[in-house]
Amino acid sequence: MQHLNDILSLIDSYIGGSYWFVALLLLTGLFFTVYLQFPQIRFFKHAIDVVKGKYDEKDDEGDTSHFQALATALSGTVGTGNIAGVALAIHLGGPAALFWMVVTAFFGMTTKFVEVTLSHKYREKTADGTMAGGPMYFMKNKLNMNWMAVLFAIATVLSSFGTGNLPQVNSIASSMFATFGVEQYITGAVLSVMLAFVILGGIKRIASVTEKLVPIMAVIYFIGCLAVIFYNFENIPSSIARVVGDIFSGTSATGGFLGATLAFAFNRGVNRGLFSNEAGQGSAPIAHASAKTKEPVSEGMVAILEPFIDTIVICSLTGLALLSSNVWREKVDNTFQQTDMQVLNTVYDDSKNNPNNDREKLAYHISGEETLPVFDGELNVVNGTIKNTVTLIHARSLAEDVKVTYQGQPYSGHLKVTKGKVQWKDGLVITGKSLIHSAPLTSLAFSRSYFGEYGKYIVTIGLLLFAFSTAISWSYYGDRAMTFLFGSASVKYFRIVYVGAFFIGSFADTTIIWTLSGITIALMTIPNLIGLLILRKDMKDSLNTYWDHMENKFGIKR
């Protein structure tokens, strides 16, 4: 598994984790924001009116209402990215990563507007009478680039597993185990049955479920975030100051957090921002293609609201909860994961006044700017304690109070280490104090609130609803891509595999799943953004046509 993660990380470093990918994403949003004269600001109120159904017409063709399409698309984006993804971004890049997530969302509002409009414009009616759309259809029907359409559709199928399936159920199962002690495979089995029931009903059942789930889960999570923020209200000014103050400098070491560079905060903030709201990825247009309207731009207007709700509102609230509670820089008792752990060849001290500047050395090491010597050989463990003069790094922090157990008992013996990585075996557990990340970090933050220890239940329930609804929506994205590639008959086979993978993902390695998600996101995003840029004039013409229609039909001027 470690070898597989290393391979996936290397692939991700050249695409989703690269700076050129981040630049392509942001610059595309910036270009369309200027080219279309800030539509995310000018059309924001109009977008709300469209969602309300104010401009619906009787002869509109489609499968769902504007609100149902928005709810389905939101259920696909509001998921682990809002709970686990924000925590991971801050864990990796410090408070400034939150700022770059919000910036990504602001420009992403325009990107969503464009991709949904063009995808809706070139949608098709399938043999079973339902609507099918998405970037693959404008690539095929307008650009006449069938090879790009096929590439995007294949990436969508892969991403349905890497984005909407595996990381979602993994976060749910981990949270259920941490909170209630329910074994991961049991959670996976129950939810897999529920998932199968919903997705077999197609888009109408999916829309019916998501339009109820999204408002409920948003309210529950909103209350939980506010309970943390107001409980730690005295820390809000310093938290905001950290976000703003670290934008152009990176975050220096504080507590157990060893620091993060500006480049790392920028990269992780933008990357996690995309994972959260999916602007530019081309996934949401597949859901919006089902909406009832003859004007593609009207559905694009609806899509403007998605990154705002998903990232600017929900992710910002999560970020403030994490920062105001200070849990992002605290070491806590933790069960170590193999892929998050590394053994260094000597002893380091991360205390603030260390004369050897060990904190700075460790910070450079975990950021990849410099490399410290790693341990190769065998660790001598006596009654659960490592006797070698080594340092364990876990979750980008110096581990403390490390204990080794085997089959529930203190371990005595030797552990083989190759290039700093412990060779794991069944029954081996290594625990200690370190930073934590993803959903467990958010759960810890929610326990520092008016609800006390009960606060973590809000995260668990919120994660259950958020992530499950995301899995539902992504099953639809995958089956539309399968329909495009192989026809409607292939959908039933996709659904069987999708449900099976959902079960397996409940107990698979978390780090590998997150790495896989980054790769599949990039494989969808790159061809989609290229297509949008090519069709920039088409988008502007469509916008002009829309306002002519609105003026003639409803007397509304742009």
Protein backbone atom coordinates (compact mmCIF):
# COMPACT_ATOMS: atom_id res chain seq x y z
CA MET A 1 0.00 0.00 0.00
CA GLN A 2 2.86 2.35 0.78
CA HIS A 3 4.43 1.65 -2.61
CA LEU A 4 1.08 2.32 -4.32
CA ASN A 5 0.69 5.61 -2.46
CA ASP A 6 4.21 6.67 -3.48
CA ILE A 7 3.36 6.02 -7.14
CA LEU A 8 0.06 7.91 -6.90
CA SER A 9 1.75 10.83 -5.10
CA LEU A 10 4.35 11.05 -7.86
CA ILE A 11 1.64 11.13 -10.54
CA ASP A 12 -0.34 13.74 -8.58
CA SER A 13 2.75 15.94 -8.18
CA TYR A 14 2.94 16.35 -11.96
CA ILE A 15 -0.76 17.17 -12.47
CA GLY A 16 -3.21 18.00 -9.63
CA GLY A 17 -0.45 18.87 -7.17
CA SER A 18 1.54 20.98 -9.63
CA TYR A 19 1.70 24.76 -9.81
CA TRP A 20 0.79 24.86 -13.50
CA PHE A 21 -2.50 23.12 -12.72
CA VAL A 22 -3.31 25.62 -9.98
CA ALA A 23 -2.41 28.47 -12.36
CA LEU A 24 -4.64 27.06 -15.12
CA LEU A 25 -7.56 26.81 -12.72
CA LEU A 26 -7.27 30.28 -11.23
CA LEU A 27 -6.36 32.09 -14.43
CA THR A 28 -9.34 30.57 -16.26
CA GLY A 29 -11.67 31.86 -13.55
CA LEU A 30 -9.92 35.24 -13.56
CA PHE A 31 -10.12 35.48 -17.37
CA PHE A 32 -13.87 34.79 -17.51
CA THR A 33 -14.50 37.09 -14.53
CA VAL A 34 -12.96 40.00 -16.46
CA TYR A 35 -14.22 38.86 -19.90
CA LEU A 36 -17.84 38.67 -18.66
CA GLN A 37 -17.48 41.71 -16.35
CA PHE A 38 -17.79 40.09 -12.91
CA PRO A 39 -20.97 38.04 -13.38
CA GLN A 40 -20.66 36.54 -9.87
CA ILE A 41 -21.36 40.01 -8.48
CA ARG A 42 -23.66 41.52 -11.14
CA PHE A 43 -25.95 38.50 -11.45
CA PHE A 44 -25.99 37.24 -7.86
CA LYS A 45 -29.49 38.54 -6.99
CA HIS A 46 -30.86 37.44 -10.35
CA ALA A 47 -29.49 33.95 -9.70
CA ILE A 48 -31.50 33.75 -6.48
CA ASP A 49 -34.67 34.77 -8.35
CA VAL A 50 -34.07 32.05 -10.96
CA VAL A 51 -33.72 29.39 -8.23
CA LYS A 52 -37.02 30.55 -6.74
CA GLY A 53 -38.68 29.78 -10.08
CA LYS A 54 -39.57 33.40 -10.78
CA TYR A 55 -38.82 33.06 -14.50
CA ASP A 56 -39.97 29.48 -15.11
CA GLU A 57 -41.92 28.91 -18.33
CA LYS A 58 -44.52 26.20 -19.00
CA ASP A 59 -42.81 24.78 -22.06
CA ASP A 60 -39.42 24.33 -20.36
CA GLU A 61 -38.00 20.88 -21.09
CA GLY A 62 -36.07 18.80 -18.57
CA ASP A 63 -36.27 16.37 -15.64
CA THR A 64 -35.80 18.55 -12.53
CA SER A 65 -36.53 22.05 -11.25
CA HIS A 66 -33.83 24.71 -10.85
CA PHE A 67 -33.80 24.13 -7.09
CA GLN A 68 -33.57 20.35 -7.46
CA ALA A 69 -30.68 20.71 -9.91
CA LEU A 70 -28.93 23.08 -7.50
CA ALA A 71 -29.57 20.72 -4.57
CA THR A 72 -28.23 17.74 -6.53
CA ALA A 73 -25.13 19.66 -7.60
CA LEU A 74 -24.61 20.99 -4.06
CA SER A 75 -25.00 17.53 -2.60
CA GLY A 76 -22.20 16.52 -4.94
CA THR A 77 -19.91 19.31 -3.70
CA VAL A 78 -20.94 19.76 -0.05
CA GLY A 79 -19.23 16.71 1.39
CA THR A 80 -15.96 15.72 2.96
CA GLY A 81 -14.30 18.73 1.32
CA ASN A 82 -16.18 20.99 3.71
CA ILE A 83 -15.40 18.99 6.84
CA ALA A 84 -12.29 16.92 6.17
CA GLY A 85 -10.93 18.92 3.22
CA VAL A 86 -10.75 22.26 5.05
CA ALA A 87 -9.07 20.57 8.00
CA LEU A 88 -6.56 18.93 5.66
CA ALA A 89 -5.84 22.24 3.87
CA ILE A 90 -5.12 24.05 7.16
CA HIS A 91 -3.13 21.08 8.45
CA LEU A 92 -0.93 21.21 5.34
CA GLY A 93 -0.78 24.93 4.56
CA GLY A 94 -1.69 26.73 7.78
CA PRO A 95 -4.38 29.43 8.19
CA ALA A 96 -3.51 31.15 4.87
CA ALA A 97 -4.79 28.08 3.00
CA LEU A 98 -8.31 29.15 4.02
CA PHE A 99 -7.84 32.49 2.25
CA TRP A 100 -6.79 30.77 -0.97
CA MET A 101 -9.79 28.45 -0.73
CA VAL A 102 -12.09 31.51 -0.64
CA VAL A 103 -10.24 33.19 -3.54
CA THR A 104 -10.62 29.99 -5.54
CA ALA A 105 -14.34 29.98 -4.81
CA PHE A 106 -14.81 33.64 -5.86
CA PHE A 107 -13.35 33.03 -9.31
CA GLY A 108 -14.92 29.58 -9.30
CA MET A 109 -18.37 31.19 -9.24
CA THR A 110 -17.67 32.49 -12.75
CA THR A 111 -16.11 29.23 -13.92
CA LYS A 112 -19.23 27.34 -12.76
CA PHE A 113 -21.45 29.87 -14.53
CA VAL A 114 -19.62 29.27 -17.82
CA GLU A 115 -19.27 25.48 -17.67
CA VAL A 116 -22.91 24.90 -16.69
CA THR A 117 -24.21 27.26 -19.39
CA LEU A 118 -22.24 25.63 -22.20
CA SER A 119 -22.95 22.08 -21.01
CA HIS A 120 -26.67 22.79 -20.77
CA LYS A 121 -26.70 24.42 -24.21
CA TYR A 122 -25.38 21.30 -25.94
CA ARG A 123 -27.18 18.65 -23.89
CA GLU A 124 -29.03 15.73 -25.51
CA LYS A 125 -32.11 13.63 -24.84
CA THR A 126 -31.23 9.96 -24.34
CA ALA A 127 -33.09 6.91 -25.62
CA ASP A 128 -34.98 6.58 -22.31
CA GLY A 129 -36.26 10.17 -22.56
CA THR A 130 -34.02 11.70 -19.86
CA MET A 131 -31.61 14.57 -20.42
CA ALA A 132 -27.85 14.00 -20.59
CA GLY A 133 -25.31 16.78 -20.54
CA GLY A 134 -21.91 17.82 -19.33
CA PRO A 135 -18.65 19.01 -20.88
CA MET A 136 -18.37 15.85 -23.00
CA TYR A 137 -21.40 17.01 -24.97
CA PHE A 138 -20.10 20.46 -25.87
CA MET A 139 -16.77 18.85 -26.71
CA LYS A 140 -18.53 16.47 -29.11
CA ASN A 141 -21.39 18.61 -30.46
CA LYS A 142 -19.71 22.01 -30.70
CA LEU A 143 -15.95 21.50 -30.72
CA ASN A 144 -16.12 18.30 -32.79
CA MET A 145 -13.37 16.92 -30.56
CA ASN A 146 -14.74 13.48 -29.81
CA TRP A 147 -11.39 12.28 -28.46
CA MET A 148 -11.48 15.00 -25.80
CA ALA A 149 -15.07 14.12 -24.96
CA VAL A 150 -14.12 10.47 -24.50
CA LEU A 151 -11.13 11.44 -22.34
CA PHE A 152 -13.35 13.61 -20.14
CA ALA A 153 -16.02 10.90 -19.81
CA ILE A 154 -13.43 8.28 -18.82
CA ALA A 155 -12.00 10.72 -16.26
CA THR A 156 -15.53 11.31 -14.93
CA VAL A 157 -16.06 7.60 -14.35
CA LEU A 158 -12.71 7.39 -12.54
CA SER A 159 -13.46 10.53 -10.56
CA SER A 160 -16.86 9.21 -9.50
CA PHE A 161 -14.84 6.72 -7.46
CA GLY A 162 -11.91 9.00 -6.53
CA THR A 163 -14.05 12.01 -5.56
CA GLY A 164 -17.61 10.94 -4.86
CA ASN A 165 -17.29 7.39 -3.66
CA LEU A 166 -14.14 6.22 -1.85
CA PRO A 167 -13.15 9.33 0.17
CA GLN A 168 -16.76 9.99 1.17
CA VAL A 169 -17.51 6.61 2.72
CA ASN A 170 -14.01 6.43 4.21
CA SER A 171 -14.58 9.68 6.09
CA ILE A 172 -18.03 8.54 7.26
CA ALA A 173 -16.77 5.17 8.47
CA SER A 174 -13.73 6.67 10.24
CA SER A 175 -15.91 9.24 11.97
CA MET A 176 -18.51 6.64 13.02
CA PHE A 177 -15.74 4.45 14.47
CA ALA A 178 -14.12 7.35 16.34
CA THR A 179 -17.43 8.63 17.73
CA PHE A 180 -19.57 5.55 18.30
CA GLY A 181 -17.10 2.66 18.01
CA VAL A 182 -18.94 1.18 15.00
CA GLU A 183 -16.59 -0.93 12.88
CA GLN A 184 -15.86 0.58 9.47
CA TYR A 185 -17.06 -2.42 7.48
CA ILE A 186 -20.43 -2.37 9.27
CA THR A 187 -20.97 1.29 8.38
CA GLY A 188 -19.91 0.54 4.82
CA ALA A 189 -22.31 -2.40 4.51
CA VAL A 190 -25.36 -0.48 5.80
CA LEU A 191 -24.71 2.62 3.70
CA SER A 192 -24.00 0.54 0.58
CA VAL A 193 -27.51 -0.95 0.79
CA MET A 194 -29.03 2.52 1.24
CA LEU A 195 -26.97 3.89 -1.65
CA ALA A 196 -28.14 1.09 -3.95
CA PHE A 197 -31.78 1.84 -3.11
CA VAL A 198 -31.44 5.53 -3.98
CA ILE A 199 -29.37 5.37 -7.17
CA LEU A 200 -31.48 2.63 -8.75
CA GLY A 201 -34.31 5.18 -8.95
CA GLY A 202 -32.38 7.43 -11.36
CA ILE A 203 -32.20 11.22 -11.41
CA LYS A 204 -35.76 11.86 -10.23
CA ARG A 205 -35.31 9.83 -7.04
CA ILE A 206 -31.84 11.29 -6.55
CA ALA A 207 -33.20 14.85 -6.91
CA SER A 208 -36.06 14.05 -4.55
CA VAL A 209 -33.65 12.82 -1.87
CA THR A 210 -31.04 15.57 -2.26
CA GLU A 211 -33.51 18.47 -2.18
CA LYS A 212 -34.49 17.31 1.32
CA LEU A 213 -31.03 16.32 2.55
CA VAL A 214 -29.15 19.49 1.55
CA PRO A 215 -31.17 22.04 3.62
CA ILE A 216 -31.28 19.73 6.66
CA MET A 217 -27.57 19.02 6.69
CA ALA A 218 -26.69 22.67 6.08
CA VAL A 219 -28.72 23.85 9.08
CA ILE A 220 -27.28 21.18 11.41
CA TYR A 221 -23.72 21.95 10.42
CA PHE A 222 -24.24 25.72 10.51
CA ILE A 223 -25.44 25.51 14.13
CA GLY A 224 -22.47 23.35 15.08
CA CYS A 225 -19.94 25.76 13.55
CA LEU A 226 -21.48 28.78 15.28
CA ALA A 227 -21.43 26.94 18.61
CA VAL A 228 -17.63 26.53 18.27
CA ILE A 229 -16.97 30.05 16.97
CA PHE A 230 -18.98 31.88 19.65
CA TYR A 231 -17.62 29.63 22.41
CA ASN A 232 -14.10 30.65 21.37
CA PHE A 233 -15.07 34.17 20.40
CA GLU A 234 -12.02 35.76 22.04
CA ASN A 235 -9.82 33.89 19.54
CA ILE A 236 -11.65 35.12 16.42
CA PRO A 237 -9.63 38.37 15.96
CA SER A 238 -6.30 36.53 16.24
CA SER A 239 -7.56 33.76 13.93
CA ILE A 240 -8.56 36.24 11.23
CA ALA A 241 -5.26 38.06 11.74
CA ARG A 242 -3.42 34.78 11.13
CA VAL A 243 -5.34 34.12 7.91
CA VAL A 244 -4.65 37.62 6.58
CA GLY A 245 -1.15 37.98 8.00
CA ASP A 246 0.11 34.68 6.59
CA ILE A 247 -1.16 35.23 3.02
CA PHE A 248 2.15 36.41 1.59
CA SER A 249 4.56 35.02 4.14
CA GLY A 250 3.44 31.50 4.99
CA THR A 251 2.84 30.30 8.54
CA SER A 252 5.66 30.08 11.06
CA ALA A 253 5.90 27.25 13.58
CA THR A 254 3.38 27.43 16.40
CA GLY A 255 2.54 24.74 18.93
CA GLY A 256 2.94 21.34 17.27
CA PHE A 257 2.54 22.90 13.80
CA LEU A 258 6.00 23.07 12.24
CA GLY A 259 5.17 25.77 9.71
CA ALA A 260 4.15 26.09 6.06
CA THR A 261 5.54 28.13 3.18
CA LEU A 262 3.53 30.59 1.09
CA ALA A 263 3.80 28.31 -1.94
CA PHE A 264 2.50 25.31 -0.01
CA ALA A 265 -0.40 27.25 1.53
CA PHE A 266 -1.34 28.61 -1.92
CA ASN A 267 -1.16 25.22 -3.62
CA ARG A 268 -3.07 23.33 -0.94
CA GLY A 269 -5.69 26.07 -0.52
CA VAL A 270 -6.48 26.18 -4.23
CA ASN A 271 -6.33 22.39 -4.55
CA ARG A 272 -8.66 21.77 -1.61
CA GLY A 273 -10.89 24.64 -2.74
CA LEU A 274 -11.38 22.89 -6.05
CA PHE A 275 -12.05 19.57 -4.29
CA SER A 276 -14.69 21.30 -2.19
CA ASN A 277 -16.69 23.23 -4.81
CA GLU A 278 -15.54 21.43 -7.99
CA ALA A 279 -15.57 24.67 -10.03
CA GLY A 280 -13.89 23.92 -13.34
CA GLN A 281 -13.97 20.18 -12.82
CA GLY A 282 -17.01 19.77 -15.05
CA SER A 283 -18.99 17.58 -12.65
CA ALA A 284 -21.82 19.94 -11.62
CA PRO A 285 -22.84 20.66 -15.25
CA ILE A 286 -23.89 17.01 -15.51
CA ALA A 287 -26.48 17.55 -12.75
CA HIS A 288 -27.58 20.94 -14.09
CA ALA A 289 -28.17 19.46 -17.56
CA SER A 290 -31.33 17.82 -16.18
CA ALA A 291 -32.93 21.16 -15.24
CA LYS A 292 -36.13 22.34 -16.91
CA THR A 293 -35.32 25.43 -18.96
CA LYS A 294 -34.96 26.46 -22.58
CA GLU A 295 -32.38 29.11 -21.67
CA PRO A 296 -28.99 27.53 -20.82
CA VAL A 297 -27.75 30.77 -19.23
CA SER A 298 -30.54 30.64 -16.64
CA GLU A 299 -29.10 27.38 -15.31
CA GLY A 300 -25.65 28.94 -15.40
CA MET A 301 -27.04 31.66 -13.16
CA VAL A 302 -28.14 29.02 -10.65
CA ALA A 303 -24.64 27.54 -10.65
CA ILE A 304 -23.13 30.88 -9.54
CA LEU A 305 -24.55 30.19 -6.08
CA GLU A 306 -22.79 26.84 -5.61
CA PRO A 307 -19.20 27.89 -4.81
CA PHE A 308 -20.59 30.73 -2.69
CA ILE A 309 -22.64 28.38 -0.52
CA ASP A 310 -20.16 25.52 -0.53
CA THR A 311 -16.85 27.30 0.03
CA ILE A 312 -17.30 30.97 0.89
CA VAL A 313 -19.96 30.17 3.51
CA ILE A 314 -19.60 26.57 4.71
CA CYS A 315 -15.83 26.13 4.32
CA SER A 316 -15.15 29.53 5.90
CA LEU A 317 -17.26 28.57 8.91
CA THR A 318 -15.36 25.29 9.24
CA GLY A 319 -12.05 27.15 8.96
CA LEU A 320 -12.98 29.67 11.65
CA ALA A 321 -14.09 26.83 13.93
CA LEU A 322 -10.74 25.07 13.46
CA LEU A 323 -8.67 28.22 13.98
CA SER A 324 -10.61 29.72 16.90
CA SER A 325 -10.51 26.41 18.80
CA ASN A 326 -6.72 26.19 18.22
CA VAL A 327 -6.92 22.43 17.56
CA TRP A 328 -5.06 22.79 14.24
CA ARG A 329 -1.75 23.27 16.12
CA GLU A 330 -2.28 20.94 19.09
CA LYS A 331 -0.80 17.47 19.47
CA VAL A 332 -3.31 14.93 20.74
CA ASP A 333 -3.40 11.19 21.40
CA ASN A 334 -3.53 9.51 18.05
CA THR A 335 -3.34 6.12 16.35
CA PHE A 336 -0.67 6.43 13.68
CA GLN A 337 -1.24 5.57 10.02
CA GLN A 338 1.62 4.00 8.11
CA THR A 339 1.46 6.43 5.19
CA ASP A 340 1.52 9.45 7.53
CA MET A 341 4.57 8.25 9.47
CA GLN A 342 8.31 8.53 8.89
CA VAL A 343 11.33 7.57 11.01
CA LEU A 344 14.32 9.97 11.06
CA ASN A 345 17.84 8.81 11.81
CA THR A 346 18.52 10.90 14.94
CA VAL A 347 16.72 12.74 17.72
CA TYR A 348 15.19 16.17 17.04
CA ASP A 349 13.53 18.61 19.42
CA ASP A 350 10.62 20.79 18.26
CA SER A 351 10.51 22.96 21.38
CA LYS A 352 10.44 26.70 20.71
CA ASN A 353 13.79 27.55 22.30
CA ASN A 354 15.82 24.66 20.86
CA PRO A 355 19.34 26.05 20.14
CA ASN A 356 19.88 23.81 17.09
CA ASN A 357 16.91 25.26 15.17
CA ASP A 358 15.41 21.78 14.96
CA ARG A 359 11.92 23.20 14.33
CA GLU A 360 13.13 24.96 11.21
CA LYS A 361 14.97 21.84 10.00
CA LEU A 362 11.86 19.70 10.53
CA ALA A 363 9.66 22.29 8.80
CA TYR A 364 11.89 22.31 5.71
CA HIS A 365 11.93 18.52 5.72
CA ILE A 366 8.16 18.01 5.76
CA SER A 367 7.66 20.70 3.12
CA GLY A 368 10.16 18.95 0.85
CA GLU A 369 12.56 21.91 0.63
CA GLU A 370 15.34 20.03 2.41
CA THR A 371 15.83 16.40 3.36
CA LEU A 372 16.88 15.07 6.74
CA PRO A 373 18.52 11.62 7.05
CA VAL A 374 15.92 8.87 7.42
CA PHE A 375 16.34 5.63 9.34
CA ASP A 376 17.17 2.33 7.64
CA GLY A 377 17.41 -0.88 9.62
CA GLU A 378 15.57 -2.38 12.59
CA LEU A 379 13.88 -0.63 15.49
CA ASN A 380 14.47 -2.29 18.83
CA VAL A 381 11.19 -2.24 20.78
CA VAL A 382 11.05 -3.27 24.44
CA ASN A 383 7.69 -3.49 26.21
CA GLY A 384 6.15 -1.07 23.71
CA THR A 385 8.94 1.52 23.81
CA ILE A 386 11.36 2.23 20.92
CA LYS A 387 14.93 2.16 22.22
CA ASN A 388 16.78 3.52 19.17
CA THR A 389 17.89 7.16 19.03
CA VAL A 390 15.39 8.10 16.33
CA THR A 391 12.57 10.60 15.75
CA LEU A 392 9.10 9.66 14.54
CA ILE A 393 7.27 12.12 12.32
CA HIS A 394 3.52 11.63 12.10
CA ALA A 395 0.96 13.88 10.41
CA ARG A 396 3.64 16.48 9.65
CA SER A 397 4.56 16.84 13.32
CA LEU A 398 7.13 15.41 15.74
CA ALA A 399 5.48 12.48 17.51
CA GLU A 400 5.62 12.20 21.31
CA ASP A 401 4.93 9.43 23.85
CA VAL A 402 5.16 6.76 21.16
CA LYS A 403 3.96 3.27 22.13
CA VAL A 404 3.94 0.07 20.05
CA THR A 405 1.42 -2.72 20.64
CA TYR A 406 0.84 -6.01 18.85
CA GLN A 407 -2.51 -7.78 19.06
CA GLY A 408 -3.46 -5.55 21.99
CA GLN A 409 -0.32 -6.14 24.07
CA PRO A 410 2.89 -4.04 24.50
CA TYR A 411 5.27 -5.20 21.78
CA SER A 412 8.82 -6.44 22.31
CA GLY A 413 10.93 -7.29 19.32
CA HIS A 414 12.19 -5.68 16.14
CA LEU A 415 10.49 -3.62 13.43
CA LYS A 416 12.09 -3.39 10.02
CA VAL A 417 12.34 0.14 8.59
CA THR A 418 13.14 0.84 4.91
CA LYS A 419 13.95 4.41 3.89
CA GLY A 420 12.16 5.77 6.92
CA LYS A 421 8.99 3.68 6.48
CA VAL A 422 8.01 1.03 9.03
CA GLN A 423 7.19 -2.34 7.46
CA TRP A 424 3.71 -2.96 8.85
CA LYS A 425 2.11 -6.27 9.84
CA ASP A 426 -1.40 -7.22 10.88
CA GLY A 427 -2.12 -6.56 14.54
CA LEU A 428 0.59 -3.89 14.91
CA VAL A 429 -0.58 -0.55 16.32
CA ILE A 430 1.59 2.51 16.96
CA THR A 431 0.13 5.31 19.07
CA GLY A 432 1.34 8.60 20.49
CA LYS A 433 0.74 12.32 20.43
CA SER A 434 0.82 14.20 17.13
CA LEU A 435 -1.19 16.61 15.05
CA ILE A 436 -4.29 15.19 13.42
CA HIS A 437 -6.02 16.13 10.19
CA SER A 438 -9.15 15.62 8.08
CA ALA A 439 -12.45 14.72 9.79
CA PRO A 440 -10.92 13.83 13.23
CA LEU A 441 -9.49 17.37 13.45
CA THR A 442 -12.89 18.93 12.77
CA SER A 443 -14.49 16.58 15.34
CA LEU A 444 -11.97 17.75 17.93
CA ALA A 445 -12.76 21.40 17.13
CA PHE A 446 -16.49 20.79 17.57
CA SER A 447 -15.86 19.36 21.05
CA ARG A 448 -14.49 22.80 22.04
CA SER A 449 -17.94 24.39 21.94
CA TYR A 450 -21.10 24.92 23.95
CA PHE A 451 -22.00 21.32 23.19
CA GLY A 452 -18.79 19.98 24.75
CA GLU A 453 -18.01 16.37 23.87
CA TYR A 454 -21.43 16.10 22.22
CA GLY A 455 -20.19 18.50 19.54
CA LYS A 456 -18.34 15.70 17.78
CA TYR A 457 -21.70 14.05 17.13
CA ILE A 458 -22.64 17.02 14.96
CA VAL A 459 -19.57 16.41 12.82
CA THR A 460 -20.38 12.72 12.58
CA ILE A 461 -24.01 13.35 11.63
CA GLY A 462 -23.05 16.20 9.30
CA LEU A 463 -20.37 14.08 7.68
CA LEU A 464 -22.79 11.20 7.28
CA LEU A 465 -25.36 13.39 5.51
CA PHE A 466 -22.85 15.45 3.52
CA ALA A 467 -20.75 12.56 2.31
CA PHE A 468 -23.64 10.21 1.61
CA SER A 469 -25.41 12.82 -0.51
CA THR A 470 -22.15 13.42 -2.39
CA ALA A 471 -21.89 9.71 -3.18
CA ILE A 472 -25.46 9.78 -4.48
CA SER A 473 -24.80 12.69 -6.83
CA TRP A 474 -21.52 11.29 -8.12
CA SER A 475 -23.20 8.01 -8.98
CA TYR A 476 -25.36 10.03 -11.37
CA TYR A 477 -22.33 11.79 -12.86
CA GLY A 478 -20.70 8.41 -13.44
CA ASP A 479 -23.75 6.83 -15.03
CA ARG A 480 -24.15 9.81 -17.43
CA ALA A 481 -20.52 9.37 -18.44
CA MET A 482 -21.07 5.63 -18.93
CA THR A 483 -24.14 6.43 -21.05
CA PHE A 484 -22.01 8.70 -23.22
CA LEU A 485 -19.29 6.08 -23.61
CA PHE A 486 -21.19 2.81 -23.88
CA GLY A 487 -24.92 3.57 -23.97
CA SER A 488 -27.69 3.25 -21.38
CA ALA A 489 -27.27 -0.54 -21.01
CA SER A 490 -23.89 -0.06 -19.32
CA VAL A 491 -25.33 1.93 -16.42
CA LYS A 492 -26.54 -1.07 -14.41
CA TYR A 493 -23.04 -2.58 -14.42
CA PHE A 494 -21.53 0.73 -13.34
CA ARG A 495 -23.97 0.97 -10.43
CA ILE A 496 -23.08 -2.52 -9.20
CA VAL A 497 -19.35 -1.70 -9.22
CA TYR A 498 -20.03 1.71 -7.65
CA VAL A 499 -21.92 0.20 -4.70
CA GLY A 500 -19.24 -2.50 -4.24
CA ALA A 501 -16.46 0.09 -4.21
CA PHE A 502 -18.45 2.14 -1.70
CA PHE A 503 -18.30 -0.78 0.72
CA ILE A 504 -14.58 -1.42 0.16
CA GLY A 505 -13.77 2.28 0.58
CA SER A 506 -15.13 2.23 4.13
CA PHE A 507 -12.04 0.42 5.44
CA ALA A 508 -9.35 1.34 2.85
CA ASP A 509 -6.30 3.52 3.60
CA THR A 510 -7.28 7.21 3.92
CA THR A 511 -4.09 8.75 2.55
CA ILE A 512 -4.19 6.70 -0.66
CA ILE A 513 -7.81 7.67 -1.23
CA TRP A 514 -7.08 11.39 -0.89
CA THR A 515 -4.12 11.07 -3.26
CA LEU A 516 -6.27 9.23 -5.81
CA SER A 517 -8.94 11.94 -5.61
CA GLY A 518 -6.41 14.62 -6.53
CA ILE A 519 -5.41 12.72 -9.68
CA THR A 520 -8.96 12.07 -10.89
CA ILE A 521 -9.97 15.70 -10.30
CA ALA A 522 -7.14 16.88 -12.52
CA LEU A 523 -7.99 14.38 -15.27
CA MET A 524 -11.47 15.93 -15.51
CA THR A 525 -10.50 19.55 -15.00
CA ILE A 526 -7.77 19.97 -17.64
CA PRO A 527 -9.81 19.08 -20.76
CA ASN A 528 -12.85 20.91 -19.38
CA LEU A 529 -10.97 24.20 -18.86
CA ILE A 530 -9.37 23.96 -22.30
CA GLY A 531 -12.83 23.52 -23.85
CA LEU A 532 -14.27 26.49 -21.95
CA LEU A 533 -11.49 28.79 -23.12
CA ILE A 534 -11.98 27.74 -26.73
CA LEU A 535 -15.73 28.50 -26.45
CA ARG A 536 -15.33 31.91 -24.78
CA LYS A 537 -17.06 33.79 -27.65
CA ASP A 538 -19.91 31.25 -27.68
CA MET A 539 -20.40 31.97 -23.98
CA LYS A 540 -20.59 35.73 -24.49
CA ASP A 541 -23.03 35.33 -27.39
CA SER A 542 -25.21 33.04 -25.26
CA LEU A 543 -25.27 35.65 -22.49
CA ASN A 544 -26.36 38.39 -24.89
CA THR A 545 -29.11 36.15 -26.30
CA TYR A 546 -30.32 35.38 -22.78
CA TRP A 547 -30.71 39.02 -21.82
CA ASP A 548 -32.54 39.75 -25.08
CA HIS A 549 -34.97 36.96 -24.18
CA MET A 550 -35.41 38.21 -20.60
CA GLU A 551 -36.08 41.73 -21.81
CA ASN A 552 -38.63 40.62 -24.41
CA LYS A 553 -40.37 38.07 -22.16
CA PHE A 554 -40.17 39.64 -18.69
CA GLY A 555 -39.11 43.24 -19.33
CA ILE A 556 -35.82 42.76 -17.44
CA LYS A 557 -32.75 44.62 -18.60
CA ARG A 558 -29.22 43.36 -17.93
